[in-house]
Amino acid sequence: MLRVHFTPDDLARVRIAPHPDPLAETILSLPALQSPGSHGVALSGWRERTRTGVVPALRPLLELAPAGPGEYLPEAFTHATASTLEEGLDHTWSLPRRQWTADLRATDQLRPRAPRWIHALHHGDREWGSLVRQALSRYHAMAIAPYWAQLTAAAHSDRGTRAMTLADAGVDGLLSTLHSDIRWALPVLHVPCASDADLRLPGSGVLLVPTFFWPSPLALVDNADPERPLVLRYPVALDLANYRALWARSAPTGPDGGLTALLGTTRARVLQAVENTASTSELALRTGISDATASHHTGVLRAAGLVATRREGSRVRHELTPLGRALLGDGSP
């Protein structure tokens, strides 16, 4: 168990990432790809489709982030919180040499039988660096990018739920409900870990980042710069039906494809119709559904923090919240 000790400054600097990280999700998906038991049947369709595209040029990635209990993830590739894959790759390859050295030291300790080429990569070998970067871009395009709109939409929805928890119950409530395996007892956060350790934060805070491929919470400390915020990746809690919607072969065609895959056709149309403030009856007319159905869907969207409703006399008006507007925005990886 990892015991993360917060100072008052750390509690004041707890943040929720606005989106998942494309590079980290790419890396974290590799053990899931190789482990049939990961996420149960929730990833089975994604895993079967992705495995067919793993050509020989991509096989080094399976060694970079292998499956199995206690395996060490390459933290140089999982610590960034970029909005695009290229930004994440640029960040990784611009890390100071001390970061790569620190990560290699951890690799030697936790993966003593790691392939020698991984050592060459950490020592700055340009040929291996180029091969790995190209392989990650190619694998991401096949395994992650086709589902990115759905992943982003689900993350936005989860962030809205967390934000409402923060508003209603404060930081205590937020940290207490992150994940069933995480326990919060002020001022210590207990996170599952292969070893028993205490981590005392220096006041730089914590960044909470959703993940879809890693089945348990994952705390990442910058090995070279301990003053940076702790990155805590937590699994997004979705039921099996929502997971299957996320891992559909691809989003339906059109700009609202990811939204439709996440919310369903009718509810996605209602959310888009609210982009211009409207009453319940106006939404029903715009979407071709009954007033009762429109009222039901706006209620669900309101509970998710995507829609706000205000009363004007005897009528109600629905409008998008900032989260709802973000959900309708560009979700490119």
Protein backbone atom coordinates (compact mmCIF):
# COMPACT_ATOMS: atom_id res chain seq x y z
CA MET A 1 0.00 0.00 0.00
CA LEU A 2 1.22 3.50 -0.86
CA ARG A 3 0.33 6.09 1.77
CA VAL A 4 0.32 9.57 0.27
CA HIS A 5 0.59 12.26 2.94
CA PHE A 6 -0.99 15.61 2.04
CA THR A 7 -0.04 19.02 3.39
CA PRO A 8 -2.60 21.87 3.46
CA ASP A 9 -0.95 23.23 0.30
CA ASP A 10 -1.44 19.88 -1.45
CA LEU A 11 -5.12 19.83 -0.52
CA ALA A 12 -5.47 23.29 -2.04
CA ARG A 13 -3.84 22.08 -5.25
CA VAL A 14 -5.93 19.01 -6.08
CA ARG A 15 -6.93 19.30 -9.74
CA ILE A 16 -8.93 17.16 -12.17
CA ALA A 17 -7.44 16.78 -15.64
CA PRO A 18 -9.70 18.06 -18.43
CA HIS A 19 -9.10 14.98 -20.60
CA PRO A 20 -7.33 11.62 -20.66
CA ASP A 21 -3.78 11.59 -21.98
CA PRO A 22 -3.37 10.01 -25.46
CA LEU A 23 0.20 8.79 -24.93
CA ALA A 24 -0.46 7.41 -21.46
CA GLU A 25 -3.61 5.60 -22.64
CA THR A 26 -1.58 4.16 -25.53
CA ILE A 27 1.05 2.79 -23.15
CA LEU A 28 -1.47 1.59 -20.56
CA SER A 29 -3.42 -0.27 -23.22
CA LEU A 30 -0.44 -2.49 -24.08
CA PRO A 31 -0.60 -4.73 -20.97
CA ALA A 32 -4.39 -4.91 -21.39
CA LEU A 33 -3.89 -6.03 -24.98
CA GLN A 34 -1.67 -8.89 -23.80
CA SER A 35 -3.77 -9.95 -20.81
CA PRO A 36 -7.08 -11.70 -21.63
CA GLY A 37 -8.26 -11.26 -18.03
CA SER A 38 -7.84 -7.48 -17.94
CA HIS A 39 -11.23 -5.74 -17.48
CA GLY A 40 -12.99 -9.09 -17.93
CA VAL A 41 -15.15 -9.12 -21.05
CA ALA A 42 -15.34 -5.31 -21.21
CA LEU A 43 -12.25 -5.10 -23.44
CA SER A 44 -12.70 -8.36 -25.31
CA GLY A 45 -13.98 -6.84 -28.57
CA TRP A 46 -11.32 -4.11 -28.57
CA ARG A 47 -8.61 -6.66 -27.75
CA GLU A 48 -9.59 -9.07 -30.52
CA ARG A 49 -9.72 -6.33 -33.18
CA THR A 50 -6.48 -4.71 -32.06
CA ARG A 51 -4.47 -7.94 -31.92
CA THR A 52 -5.08 -8.53 -35.62
CA GLY A 53 -3.24 -5.29 -36.40
CA VAL A 54 -0.09 -5.98 -34.35
CA VAL A 55 2.48 -6.35 -37.12
CA PRO A 56 6.15 -7.22 -36.40
CA ALA A 57 7.16 -3.54 -36.34
CA LEU A 58 4.92 -3.05 -33.30
CA ARG A 59 6.14 -6.02 -31.28
CA PRO A 60 8.84 -4.06 -29.35
CA LEU A 61 5.99 -2.15 -27.71
CA LEU A 62 4.80 -5.41 -26.13
CA GLU A 63 8.20 -5.63 -24.43
CA LEU A 64 8.17 -1.95 -23.47
CA ALA A 65 4.95 -2.39 -21.48
CA PRO A 66 4.35 -6.12 -20.93
CA ALA A 67 1.47 -7.75 -19.10
CA GLY A 68 1.78 -9.50 -15.77
CA PRO A 69 1.52 -8.70 -12.06
CA GLY A 70 4.17 -6.36 -10.75
CA GLU A 71 5.48 -5.36 -14.16
CA TYR A 72 7.00 -1.89 -14.29
CA LEU A 73 5.48 0.63 -16.66
CA PRO A 74 7.83 3.00 -18.52
CA GLU A 75 7.03 6.15 -16.54
CA ALA A 76 8.71 8.44 -19.04
CA PHE A 77 5.75 7.67 -21.31
CA THR A 78 3.00 7.84 -18.71
CA HIS A 79 3.69 11.00 -16.72
CA ALA A 80 2.73 13.57 -19.33
CA THR A 81 -0.75 15.09 -19.47
CA ALA A 82 -0.78 16.34 -23.05
CA SER A 83 -3.87 16.83 -25.19
CA THR A 84 -2.47 15.13 -28.32
CA LEU A 85 -0.22 12.16 -28.98
CA GLU A 86 2.40 14.34 -30.67
CA GLU A 87 2.55 16.69 -27.70
CA GLY A 88 2.99 13.72 -25.38
CA LEU A 89 5.75 12.22 -27.53
CA ASP A 90 7.51 15.59 -27.81
CA HIS A 91 7.33 15.95 -24.03
CA THR A 92 8.75 12.47 -23.48
CA TRP A 93 11.64 12.92 -25.87
CA SER A 94 12.47 16.33 -24.39
CA LEU A 95 12.74 15.00 -20.83
CA PRO A 96 16.10 15.76 -19.21
CA ARG A 97 18.62 12.95 -19.20
CA ARG A 98 18.26 12.65 -15.40
CA GLN A 99 14.61 11.62 -15.90
CA TRP A 100 15.56 8.79 -18.25
CA THR A 101 18.35 7.75 -15.89
CA ALA A 102 15.99 7.68 -12.92
CA ASP A 103 13.43 5.67 -14.88
CA LEU A 104 16.10 3.21 -16.01
CA ARG A 105 17.19 2.77 -12.39
CA ALA A 106 13.62 1.89 -11.47
CA THR A 107 13.38 -0.44 -14.47
CA ASP A 108 16.56 -2.27 -13.41
CA GLN A 109 15.15 -2.73 -9.93
CA LEU A 110 11.66 -3.87 -10.91
CA ARG A 111 12.40 -5.51 -14.27
CA PRO A 112 15.91 -6.96 -13.98
CA ARG A 113 15.35 -9.06 -17.11
CA ALA A 114 14.17 -6.21 -19.31
CA PRO A 115 15.46 -6.48 -22.91
CA ARG A 116 18.78 -4.75 -23.54
CA TRP A 117 17.24 -2.47 -26.18
CA ILE A 118 15.19 -0.82 -23.41
CA HIS A 119 18.46 0.15 -21.75
CA ALA A 120 19.67 1.56 -25.07
CA LEU A 121 16.46 3.57 -25.39
CA HIS A 122 16.95 5.07 -21.92
CA HIS A 123 20.56 5.88 -22.73
CA GLY A 124 19.43 7.98 -25.68
CA ASP A 125 20.00 5.60 -28.60
CA ARG A 126 18.62 7.51 -31.59
CA GLU A 127 17.76 4.46 -33.69
CA TRP A 128 15.70 2.84 -30.93
CA GLY A 129 14.17 6.19 -30.07
CA SER A 130 13.00 6.66 -33.64
CA LEU A 131 11.69 3.10 -33.92
CA VAL A 132 9.72 3.33 -30.67
CA ARG A 133 8.27 6.73 -31.52
CA GLN A 134 7.13 5.51 -34.94
CA ALA A 135 5.69 2.32 -33.46
CA LEU A 136 3.75 4.25 -30.82
CA SER A 137 2.27 6.55 -33.46
CA ARG A 138 1.27 3.61 -35.63
CA TYR A 139 -0.19 1.62 -32.74
CA HIS A 140 -2.09 4.64 -31.43
CA ALA A 141 -3.66 5.24 -34.84
CA MET A 142 -4.91 1.66 -34.90
CA ALA A 143 -5.80 0.96 -31.26
CA ILE A 144 -6.71 4.28 -29.63
CA ALA A 145 -7.55 7.01 -32.14
CA PRO A 146 -10.69 5.30 -33.58
CA TYR A 147 -12.25 5.40 -30.10
CA TRP A 148 -10.91 8.76 -28.90
CA ALA A 149 -14.15 10.70 -29.31
CA GLN A 150 -15.96 8.17 -27.12
CA LEU A 151 -13.16 8.17 -24.53
CA THR A 152 -13.08 11.96 -24.36
CA ALA A 153 -16.85 12.21 -23.99
CA ALA A 154 -16.85 9.66 -21.16
CA ALA A 155 -13.99 11.48 -19.43
CA HIS A 156 -15.85 14.81 -19.68
CA SER A 157 -18.90 13.21 -18.11
CA ASP A 158 -16.81 11.70 -15.32
CA ARG A 159 -15.11 15.05 -14.71
CA GLY A 160 -18.51 16.71 -14.36
CA THR A 161 -19.52 14.16 -11.75
CA ARG A 162 -16.26 14.70 -9.84
CA ALA A 163 -16.68 18.47 -10.03
CA MET A 164 -20.18 18.23 -8.55
CA THR A 165 -18.83 16.01 -5.77
CA LEU A 166 -16.14 18.60 -5.08
CA ALA A 167 -18.73 21.37 -4.98
CA ASP A 168 -21.08 19.43 -2.70
CA ALA A 169 -18.67 17.56 -0.43
CA GLY A 170 -15.32 19.33 -0.79
CA VAL A 171 -11.92 17.73 -1.30
CA ASP A 172 -12.72 15.14 1.38
CA GLY A 173 -15.70 13.94 -0.63
CA LEU A 174 -13.77 13.95 -3.88
CA LEU A 175 -10.83 11.91 -2.58
CA SER A 176 -13.13 9.54 -0.70
CA THR A 177 -15.02 8.55 -3.85
CA LEU A 178 -12.26 8.29 -6.46
CA HIS A 179 -12.20 4.50 -6.56
CA SER A 180 -13.24 1.57 -4.40
CA ASP A 181 -9.57 0.59 -3.89
CA ILE A 182 -8.55 4.08 -2.73
CA ARG A 183 -9.09 5.05 0.90
CA TRP A 184 -8.91 8.61 2.18
CA ALA A 185 -8.33 9.34 5.89
CA LEU A 186 -7.33 12.97 6.28
CA PRO A 187 -4.52 13.76 5.57
CA VAL A 188 -3.45 10.43 4.04
CA LEU A 189 -4.57 8.85 0.75
CA HIS A 190 -4.11 5.07 0.64
CA VAL A 191 -3.44 3.80 -2.89
CA PRO A 192 -2.86 0.13 -3.84
CA CYS A 193 0.82 -0.50 -4.54
CA ALA A 194 3.10 -3.51 -4.97
CA SER A 195 5.27 -2.30 -2.08
CA ASP A 196 4.52 -0.77 1.31
CA ALA A 197 5.66 2.85 1.29
CA ASP A 198 4.98 6.38 2.49
CA LEU A 199 5.09 9.38 0.17
CA ARG A 200 5.11 12.87 1.66
CA LEU A 201 4.01 15.46 -0.85
CA PRO A 202 6.00 18.71 -0.99
CA GLY A 203 3.00 21.00 -1.42
CA SER A 204 2.80 20.82 -5.22
CA GLY A 205 -0.56 19.03 -5.19
CA VAL A 206 -2.12 16.16 -7.10
CA LEU A 207 -3.44 15.90 -10.64
CA LEU A 208 -6.29 13.38 -11.01
CA VAL A 209 -6.38 11.84 -14.48
CA PRO A 210 -8.97 9.33 -15.73
CA THR A 211 -7.80 6.14 -17.42
CA PHE A 212 -9.74 3.50 -19.34
CA PHE A 213 -7.16 0.74 -19.82
CA TRP A 214 -5.48 0.39 -16.43
CA PRO A 215 -7.72 -1.61 -14.05
CA SER A 216 -6.47 -0.13 -10.77
CA PRO A 217 -5.35 3.27 -9.45
CA LEU A 218 -1.84 4.27 -10.50
CA ALA A 219 0.21 6.88 -8.64
CA LEU A 220 3.12 8.34 -10.61
CA VAL A 221 5.86 10.41 -9.03
CA ASP A 222 8.31 12.29 -11.22
CA ASN A 223 11.59 10.47 -10.52
CA ALA A 224 13.71 13.44 -11.58
CA ASP A 225 11.65 16.33 -10.22
CA PRO A 226 9.78 15.49 -6.98
CA GLU A 227 8.45 19.06 -6.87
CA ARG A 228 6.04 18.30 -9.72
CA PRO A 229 2.46 17.35 -8.80
CA LEU A 230 1.75 13.70 -8.14
CA VAL A 231 -0.16 12.22 -11.08
CA LEU A 232 -2.88 9.86 -9.89
CA ARG A 233 -4.59 7.94 -12.66
CA TYR A 234 -7.88 6.42 -11.62
CA PRO A 235 -10.03 3.97 -13.63
CA VAL A 236 -13.25 5.47 -14.94
CA ALA A 237 -16.10 3.48 -13.46
CA LEU A 238 -18.37 2.39 -16.30
CA ASP A 239 -20.84 -0.44 -16.54
CA LEU A 240 -20.43 -3.16 -19.13
CA ALA A 241 -22.93 -1.62 -21.57
CA ASN A 242 -21.06 1.71 -21.58
CA TYR A 243 -17.73 -0.03 -22.05
CA ARG A 244 -19.09 -1.92 -25.03
CA ALA A 245 -20.33 1.37 -26.50
CA LEU A 246 -16.88 2.88 -26.06
CA TRP A 247 -15.15 -0.01 -27.78
CA ALA A 248 -17.50 -0.17 -30.75
CA ARG A 249 -15.42 -0.58 -33.90
CA SER A 250 -15.63 3.16 -34.41
CA ALA A 251 -17.94 6.01 -33.69
CA PRO A 252 -20.82 6.45 -36.09
CA THR A 253 -20.03 8.74 -38.96
CA GLY A 254 -20.57 12.46 -38.61
CA PRO A 255 -19.31 15.06 -36.12
CA ASP A 256 -21.44 13.67 -33.31
CA GLY A 257 -20.23 10.08 -33.68
CA GLY A 258 -18.46 9.82 -30.32
CA LEU A 259 -21.33 11.56 -28.57
CA THR A 260 -23.85 9.15 -30.07
CA ALA A 261 -21.74 6.16 -29.07
CA LEU A 262 -21.62 7.42 -25.49
CA LEU A 263 -25.12 8.82 -24.94
CA GLY A 264 -27.26 7.08 -27.53
CA THR A 265 -28.79 8.65 -30.62
CA THR A 266 -31.78 10.44 -29.05
CA ARG A 267 -29.99 11.80 -26.00
CA ALA A 268 -27.09 13.02 -28.14
CA ARG A 269 -29.59 14.86 -30.39
CA VAL A 270 -31.21 16.44 -27.34
CA LEU A 271 -27.85 17.63 -26.03
CA GLN A 272 -27.01 19.14 -29.39
CA ALA A 273 -30.44 20.79 -29.56
CA VAL A 274 -29.79 22.49 -26.21
CA GLU A 275 -26.83 24.29 -27.77
CA ASN A 276 -29.39 27.01 -28.48
CA THR A 277 -31.35 27.59 -25.25
CA ALA A 278 -34.80 26.04 -25.52
CA SER A 279 -37.87 24.97 -23.60
CA THR A 280 -38.84 21.32 -23.28
CA SER A 281 -41.47 21.62 -26.02
CA GLU A 282 -39.00 23.37 -28.32
CA LEU A 283 -36.50 20.57 -27.80
CA ALA A 284 -39.21 18.04 -28.59
CA LEU A 285 -39.95 19.83 -31.86
CA ARG A 286 -36.27 20.11 -32.79
CA THR A 287 -35.58 16.43 -32.19
CA GLY A 288 -38.91 14.92 -33.27
CA ILE A 289 -39.74 13.33 -29.93
CA SER A 290 -42.55 13.79 -27.41
CA ASP A 291 -42.46 16.39 -24.64
CA ALA A 292 -42.32 13.61 -22.04
CA THR A 293 -39.31 11.98 -23.75
CA ALA A 294 -37.55 15.34 -24.06
CA SER A 295 -38.19 16.01 -20.37
CA HIS A 296 -36.77 12.60 -19.43
CA HIS A 297 -33.57 13.10 -21.45
CA THR A 298 -32.96 16.63 -20.18
CA GLY A 299 -33.33 15.27 -16.65
CA VAL A 300 -30.62 12.68 -17.28
CA LEU A 301 -28.36 15.26 -18.92
CA ARG A 302 -28.94 17.66 -16.04
CA ALA A 303 -27.99 14.97 -13.49
CA ALA A 304 -24.75 14.42 -15.46
CA GLY A 305 -23.92 18.12 -15.25
CA LEU A 306 -24.29 18.70 -18.99
CA VAL A 307 -27.48 20.75 -18.97
CA ALA A 308 -28.80 23.46 -16.62
CA THR A 309 -32.51 24.21 -16.30
CA ARG A 310 -34.05 27.45 -15.07
CA ARG A 311 -37.69 28.45 -14.68
CA GLU A 312 -39.20 31.42 -16.50
CA GLY A 313 -42.75 31.85 -15.25
CA SER A 314 -44.66 28.71 -16.03
CA ARG A 315 -42.03 27.41 -18.46
CA VAL A 316 -38.54 26.00 -18.05
CA ARG A 317 -35.53 26.79 -20.22
CA HIS A 318 -32.65 24.41 -20.80
CA GLU A 319 -29.10 25.48 -21.62
CA LEU A 320 -25.69 23.86 -21.83
CA THR A 321 -23.32 23.99 -18.89
CA PRO A 322 -19.62 24.63 -19.57
CA LEU A 323 -19.12 20.87 -19.34
CA GLY A 324 -21.89 20.30 -21.88
CA ARG A 325 -20.28 22.78 -24.27
CA ALA A 326 -16.92 21.05 -23.83
CA LEU A 327 -18.54 17.71 -24.62
CA LEU A 328 -19.82 19.10 -27.91
CA GLY A 329 -16.39 20.48 -28.76
CA ASP A 330 -13.57 18.92 -30.76
CA GLY A 331 -12.37 15.64 -29.27
CA SER A 332 -9.51 14.85 -31.63
CA PRO A 333 -6.55 12.89 -30.20
